[in-house]
C-alpha atoms as a PDB file:
ATOM      1  CA  UNK A   1      22.924  29.479 -28.280  1.00  0.00           C
ATOM      2  CA  UNK A   2      22.235  25.865 -29.250  1.00  0.00           C
ATOM      3  CA  UNK A   3      18.683  24.647 -29.588  1.00  0.00           C
ATOM      4  CA  UNK A   4      17.169  22.580 -26.826  1.00  0.00           C
ATOM      5  CA  UNK A   5      15.116  19.546 -27.698  1.00  0.00           C
ATOM      6  CA  UNK A   6      12.437  19.097 -25.086  1.00  0.00           C
ATOM      7  CA  UNK A   7      10.501  15.874 -24.595  1.00  0.00           C
ATOM      8  CA  UNK A   8       6.776  15.939 -25.238  1.00  0.00           C
ATOM      9  CA  UNK A   9       4.739  16.592 -22.120  1.00  0.00           C
ATOM     10  CA  UNK A  10       2.675  13.664 -20.930  1.00  0.00           C
ATOM     11  CA  UNK A  11      -0.159  13.534 -18.452  1.00  0.00           C
ATOM     12  CA  UNK A  12       0.083  10.757 -15.884  1.00  0.00           C
ATOM     13  CA  UNK A  13      -2.918   8.439 -15.933  1.00  0.00           C
ATOM     14  CA  UNK A  14      -5.445   9.005 -13.159  1.00  0.00           C
ATOM     15  CA  UNK A  15      -4.811   5.416 -12.034  1.00  0.00           C
ATOM     16  CA  UNK A  16      -1.258   6.462 -11.104  1.00  0.00           C
ATOM     17  CA  UNK A  17      -2.591   8.808  -8.426  1.00  0.00           C
ATOM     18  CA  UNK A  18      -3.316   7.557  -4.912  1.00  0.00           C
ATOM     19  CA  UNK A  19      -6.932   8.245  -3.965  1.00  0.00           C
ATOM     20  CA  UNK A  20      -7.092  10.679  -0.994  1.00  0.00           C
ATOM     21  CA  UNK A  21      -9.254   8.243   0.984  1.00  0.00           C
ATOM     22  CA  UNK A  22      -6.321   5.798   0.912  1.00  0.00           C
ATOM     23  CA  UNK A  23      -3.892   8.119   2.699  1.00  0.00           C
ATOM     24  CA  UNK A  24      -3.533   8.429   6.466  1.00  0.00           C
ATOM     25  CA  UNK A  25      -2.007  11.717   7.625  1.00  0.00           C
ATOM     26  CA  UNK A  26       0.171  11.651   9.602  1.00  0.00           C
ATOM     27  CA  UNK A  27       1.395   8.183   8.643  1.00  0.00           C
ATOM     28  CA  UNK A  28       1.769   5.540  11.350  1.00  0.00           C
ATOM     29  CA  UNK A  29       5.071   5.214  13.194  1.00  0.00           C
ATOM     30  CA  UNK A  30       4.344   1.976  15.102  1.00  0.00           C
ATOM     31  CA  UNK A  31       3.617  -1.284  13.335  1.00  0.00           C
ATOM     32  CA  UNK A  32       1.862  -4.502  14.295  1.00  0.00           C
ATOM     33  CA  UNK A  33       2.797  -6.768  11.362  1.00  0.00           C
ATOM     34  CA  UNK A  34       5.177  -7.160   8.466  1.00  0.00           C
ATOM     35  CA  UNK A  35       4.790  -8.799   5.067  1.00  0.00           C
ATOM     36  CA  UNK A  36       6.188 -12.342   4.955  1.00  0.00           C
ATOM     37  CA  UNK A  37       6.332 -12.288   1.160  1.00  0.00           C
ATOM     38  CA  UNK A  38       5.931  -9.754  -1.633  1.00  0.00           C
ATOM     39  CA  UNK A  39       2.242  -9.413  -2.437  1.00  0.00           C
ATOM     40  CA  UNK A  40      -0.224  -7.114  -4.213  1.00  0.00           C
ATOM     41  CA  UNK A  41      -2.451  -4.526  -2.595  1.00  0.00           C
ATOM     42  CA  UNK A  42      -5.714  -2.912  -3.668  1.00  0.00           C
ATOM     43  CA  UNK A  43      -7.110   0.531  -2.882  1.00  0.00           C
ATOM     44  CA  UNK A  44     -10.664  -0.686  -2.345  1.00  0.00           C
ATOM     45  CA  UNK A  45     -12.451  -3.960  -1.826  1.00  0.00           C
ATOM     46  CA  UNK A  46     -15.400  -2.616  -3.827  1.00  0.00           C
ATOM     47  CA  UNK A  47     -13.388  -1.870  -6.984  1.00  0.00           C
ATOM     48  CA  UNK A  48     -13.074  -4.704  -9.493  1.00  0.00           C
ATOM     49  CA  UNK A  49      -9.765  -6.530  -8.987  1.00  0.00           C
ATOM     50  CA  UNK A  50      -8.593  -6.898 -12.558  1.00  0.00           C
ATOM     51  CA  UNK A  51      -5.116  -5.719 -11.627  1.00  0.00           C
ATOM     52  CA  UNK A  52      -3.393  -4.828  -8.381  1.00  0.00           C
ATOM     53  CA  UNK A  53      -2.935  -1.153  -7.546  1.00  0.00           C
ATOM     54  CA  UNK A  54       0.586  -1.884  -6.321  1.00  0.00           C
ATOM     55  CA  UNK A  55       2.830  -4.387  -4.531  1.00  0.00           C
ATOM     56  CA  UNK A  56       4.361  -4.567  -1.093  1.00  0.00           C
ATOM     57  CA  UNK A  57       7.858  -6.011  -0.822  1.00  0.00           C
ATOM     58  CA  UNK A  58       8.634  -8.737   1.703  1.00  0.00           C
ATOM     59  CA  UNK A  59       9.475  -7.250   5.096  1.00  0.00           C
ATOM     60  CA  UNK A  60       7.328  -4.115   4.687  1.00  0.00           C
ATOM     61  CA  UNK A  61       6.089  -3.065   8.155  1.00  0.00           C
ATOM     62  CA  UNK A  62       2.349  -2.343   8.368  1.00  0.00           C
ATOM     63  CA  UNK A  63      -0.369  -1.612  10.919  1.00  0.00           C
ATOM     64  CA  UNK A  64      -3.309  -4.009  10.772  1.00  0.00           C
ATOM     65  CA  UNK A  65      -6.331  -1.685  10.624  1.00  0.00           C
ATOM     66  CA  UNK A  66      -9.182  -4.155  10.094  1.00  0.00           C
ATOM     67  CA  UNK A  67      -9.586  -7.875   9.701  1.00  0.00           C
ATOM     68  CA  UNK A  68     -13.030  -9.450   9.681  1.00  0.00           C
ATOM     69  CA  UNK A  69     -11.981 -13.010   8.911  1.00  0.00           C
ATOM     70  CA  UNK A  70     -11.637 -14.229   5.375  1.00  0.00           C
ATOM     71  CA  UNK A  71      -8.872 -13.695   2.889  1.00  0.00           C
ATOM     72  CA  UNK A  72      -8.325  -9.912   2.909  1.00  0.00           C
ATOM     73  CA  UNK A  73      -7.525  -7.270   5.518  1.00  0.00           C
ATOM     74  CA  UNK A  74      -6.849  -3.521   5.566  1.00  0.00           C
ATOM     75  CA  UNK A  75      -3.374  -2.292   6.507  1.00  0.00           C
ATOM     76  CA  UNK A  76      -1.414   0.969   6.479  1.00  0.00           C
ATOM     77  CA  UNK A  77       2.292   1.289   5.713  1.00  0.00           C
ATOM     78  CA  UNK A  78       4.895   3.886   6.766  1.00  0.00           C
ATOM     79  CA  UNK A  79       3.855   6.186   3.903  1.00  0.00           C
ATOM     80  CA  UNK A  80       0.301   6.272   5.268  1.00  0.00           C
ATOM     81  CA  UNK A  81      -1.024   4.150   2.405  1.00  0.00           C
ATOM     82  CA  UNK A  82      -4.224   2.412   3.599  1.00  0.00           C
ATOM     83  CA  UNK A  83      -5.022  -0.588   1.383  1.00  0.00           C
ATOM     84  CA  UNK A  84      -6.486  -4.099   1.185  1.00  0.00           C
ATOM     85  CA  UNK A  85      -4.089  -7.046   1.021  1.00  0.00           C
ATOM     86  CA  UNK A  86      -4.008 -10.761   1.794  1.00  0.00           C
ATOM     87  CA  UNK A  87      -4.095 -11.522   5.518  1.00  0.00           C
ATOM     88  CA  UNK A  88      -2.177 -14.778   5.072  1.00  0.00           C
ATOM     89  CA  UNK A  89       0.900 -12.809   3.940  1.00  0.00           C
ATOM     90  CA  UNK A  90       1.235 -10.988   7.287  1.00  0.00           C
ATOM     91  CA  UNK A  91       3.441 -11.931  10.208  1.00  0.00           C
ATOM     92  CA  UNK A  92       2.699 -10.442  13.615  1.00  0.00           C
ATOM     93  CA  UNK A  93       5.553  -8.459  15.157  1.00  0.00           C
ATOM     94  CA  UNK A  94       6.509  -9.275  18.743  1.00  0.00           C
ATOM     95  CA  UNK A  95       5.513  -6.870  21.514  1.00  0.00           C
ATOM     96  CA  UNK A  96       9.012  -6.704  22.966  1.00  0.00           C
ATOM     97  CA  UNK A  97      10.358  -4.423  20.214  1.00  0.00           C
ATOM     98  CA  UNK A  98      11.619  -1.155  21.800  1.00  0.00           C
END
């Protein structure tokens, strides 16, 4: 039998894991807003924001969880990901959607 060459095993960085406190189970199925433009999101407003934890694409439907005025708000997407993102990038969905 021929020899198999296996790749070296690598451990994914802890930063690649989604913190459990940022997951909503079950995920939402109804949405209040969508992203007008692609924009970054952050797991926590208390963590230093040197780099975004990820990016939403334009058109991503989300539920607005909290908004206390200011620049940022907390939303959840269809995966149940609960994160901070810019409020100005949201567009409210109309109520007449079936």
